[in-house]
Amino acid sequence: MIGLELIAAKEECEHGDWLPWLKENFGWGHATASNFMNVANAFGSKFPPGGNLDGFSIDAKALYLLSAPAIPQEVRDEAVEKKTLTLKEAEALVAWRQWKCLPNADLVCFCTSIARISASVLPAPAQSST
C-alpha cells in the first residue's frame, strides 16, 4: 500500500527534507501524499495483507473522505464491510451516522458538518470560464 510506504519514508526523513524527498521520488504533490497516508492510517489494517484488493471497489475520493480524522472508526468499518462504495454512498454513510448521533437531530448543524468534511478532503470544483 503506497500510503504505508510514504509513512515509512517520511519517518526516515530529517526535519525539512520531506517535501524535497516527495518532489524527487513521488511524482505527485503533498496533498496526494497526505491523502494516501491518511488512508493508510485509517484503513491499513482493514485490507488484506500484501495489498490484494480483489473484491474491493471503493472509490478513492470515498477513501479520502472516510479517512478524515472526524470520521468515527465504526463508519470506516462499515464501509470496508460493504467492499464496494462510491463517493455518494460514503457521503450518505457519514451523513446517516452523524445524523443518528446528533442531539435533537439538528439538521442545519448536520448539513454544515457534512459540507465541512467534504470540503476538507475533496478538491474544489473547477471554475467555469464563461
Protein backbone atom coordinates (compact mmCIF):
# COMPACT_ATOMS: atom_id res chain seq x y z
CA MET A 1 0.00 0.00 0.00
CA ILE A 2 1.55 3.29 -1.14
CA GLY A 3 0.41 5.19 1.94
CA LEU A 4 2.28 2.84 4.28
CA GLU A 5 5.44 3.22 2.19
CA LEU A 6 5.10 7.00 2.29
CA ILE A 7 4.66 6.94 6.07
CA ALA A 8 7.84 4.88 6.41
CA ALA A 9 9.73 7.21 4.06
CA LYS A 10 8.58 10.31 5.97
CA GLU A 11 9.76 8.79 9.24
CA GLU A 12 13.23 8.36 7.70
CA CYS A 13 13.44 11.99 6.54
CA GLU A 14 15.15 14.63 8.63
CA HIS A 15 13.18 17.74 9.54
CA GLY A 16 12.72 19.82 6.39
CA ASP A 17 13.62 17.00 4.00
CA TRP A 18 10.14 15.52 3.49
CA LEU A 19 8.81 17.88 0.80
CA PRO A 20 12.01 17.78 -1.25
CA TRP A 21 12.01 13.97 -0.96
CA LEU A 22 8.41 13.88 -2.19
CA LYS A 23 9.20 16.11 -5.14
CA GLU A 24 12.19 13.98 -6.14
CA ASN A 25 10.79 10.50 -5.50
CA PHE A 26 6.99 10.55 -5.50
CA GLY A 27 5.93 12.37 -8.64
CA TRP A 28 2.70 13.73 -7.15
CA GLY A 29 2.08 16.58 -4.75
CA HIS A 30 1.99 16.84 -0.99
CA ALA A 31 -1.84 16.76 -0.85
CA THR A 32 -1.93 13.46 -2.74
CA ALA A 33 0.75 12.00 -0.48
CA SER A 34 -1.23 13.16 2.56
CA ASN A 35 -4.38 11.52 1.20
CA PHE A 36 -2.53 8.22 0.68
CA MET A 37 -1.02 8.38 4.18
CA ASN A 38 -4.38 9.25 5.80
CA VAL A 39 -5.99 6.28 4.05
CA ALA A 40 -3.16 4.00 5.19
CA ASN A 41 -3.51 5.22 8.78
CA ALA A 42 -7.28 4.80 8.75
CA PHE A 43 -7.59 1.59 6.71
CA GLY A 44 -4.18 -0.09 6.52
CA SER A 45 -5.08 -2.99 8.79
CA LYS A 46 -8.58 -3.37 7.30
CA PHE A 47 -7.45 -4.57 3.88
CA PRO A 48 -5.88 -7.97 3.19
CA PRO A 49 -2.11 -8.28 3.70
CA GLY A 50 0.03 -7.89 0.60
CA GLY A 51 -2.28 -5.31 -0.92
CA ASN A 52 -4.54 -7.89 -2.61
CA LEU A 53 -7.71 -5.86 -3.01
CA ASP A 54 -9.62 -8.36 -5.15
CA GLY A 55 -13.29 -7.94 -4.41
CA PHE A 56 -12.86 -4.39 -3.12
CA SER A 57 -14.09 -1.47 -5.20
CA ILE A 58 -14.04 1.65 -3.04
CA ASP A 59 -13.76 4.98 -4.82
CA ALA A 60 -10.54 6.85 -3.97
CA LYS A 61 -12.44 10.01 -3.02
CA ALA A 62 -14.65 7.91 -0.74
CA LEU A 63 -11.50 6.62 0.97
CA TYR A 64 -10.19 10.18 1.35
CA LEU A 65 -13.50 11.27 2.90
CA LEU A 66 -13.66 8.28 5.25
CA SER A 67 -10.05 8.69 6.36
CA ALA A 68 -10.68 12.22 7.70
CA PRO A 69 -9.94 12.37 11.44
CA ALA A 70 -13.51 13.47 12.23
CA ILE A 71 -14.98 10.23 10.88
CA PRO A 72 -15.65 7.58 13.55
CA GLN A 73 -13.94 4.20 13.14
CA GLU A 74 -17.32 2.45 13.12
CA VAL A 75 -18.18 4.26 9.87
CA ARG A 76 -14.91 3.11 8.30
CA ASP A 77 -15.54 -0.46 9.43
CA GLU A 78 -19.00 -0.41 7.88
CA ALA A 79 -17.57 0.95 4.61
CA VAL A 80 -14.98 -1.85 4.42
CA GLU A 81 -17.66 -4.47 5.11
CA LYS A 82 -19.55 -3.24 2.04
CA LYS A 83 -16.44 -3.83 -0.16
CA THR A 84 -17.98 -1.63 -2.89
CA LEU A 85 -18.56 2.04 -2.20
CA THR A 86 -18.92 5.19 -4.30
CA LEU A 87 -18.26 8.70 -3.04
CA LYS A 88 -22.01 9.39 -2.86
CA GLU A 89 -22.53 6.23 -0.81
CA ALA A 90 -19.68 7.20 1.53
CA GLU A 91 -21.18 10.67 1.98
CA ALA A 92 -24.55 9.09 2.74
CA LEU A 93 -22.97 6.67 5.22
CA VAL A 94 -21.21 9.51 7.03
CA ALA A 95 -24.35 11.64 6.95
CA TRP A 96 -26.53 8.88 8.35
CA ARG A 97 -24.10 8.09 11.19
CA GLN A 98 -23.73 11.75 12.12
CA TRP A 99 -27.47 12.31 11.91
CA LYS A 100 -28.13 9.45 14.34
CA CYS A 101 -25.58 10.88 16.81
CA LEU A 102 -26.88 14.45 16.85
CA PRO A 103 -28.79 15.62 19.92
CA ASN A 104 -32.25 16.78 18.90
CA ALA A 105 -31.42 15.96 15.26
CA ASP A 106 -30.12 19.43 14.43
CA LEU A 107 -30.38 19.30 10.63
CA VAL A 108 -28.67 22.63 9.95
CA CYS A 109 -25.66 21.68 12.08
CA PHE A 110 -25.61 18.27 10.44
CA CYS A 111 -25.59 19.66 6.88
CA THR A 112 -22.88 22.18 7.78
CA SER A 113 -20.77 19.39 9.26
CA ILE A 114 -21.06 17.22 6.14
CA ALA A 115 -20.18 20.15 3.87
CA ARG A 116 -17.12 20.95 6.01
CA ILE A 117 -15.90 17.33 5.97
CA SER A 118 -16.36 17.03 2.20
CA ALA A 119 -14.63 20.37 1.56
CA SER A 120 -11.66 19.33 3.66
CA VAL A 121 -10.90 16.21 1.63
CA LEU A 122 -12.20 16.90 -1.86
CA PRO A 123 -10.76 19.35 -4.38
CA ALA A 124 -12.77 22.46 -5.15
CA PRO A 125 -14.79 22.21 -8.37
CA ALA A 126 -13.23 23.78 -11.44
CA GLN A 127 -14.45 27.31 -12.12
CA SER A 128 -16.26 27.98 -15.36
CA SER A 129 -14.55 30.46 -17.67
CA THR A 130 -17.83 31.82 -19.00
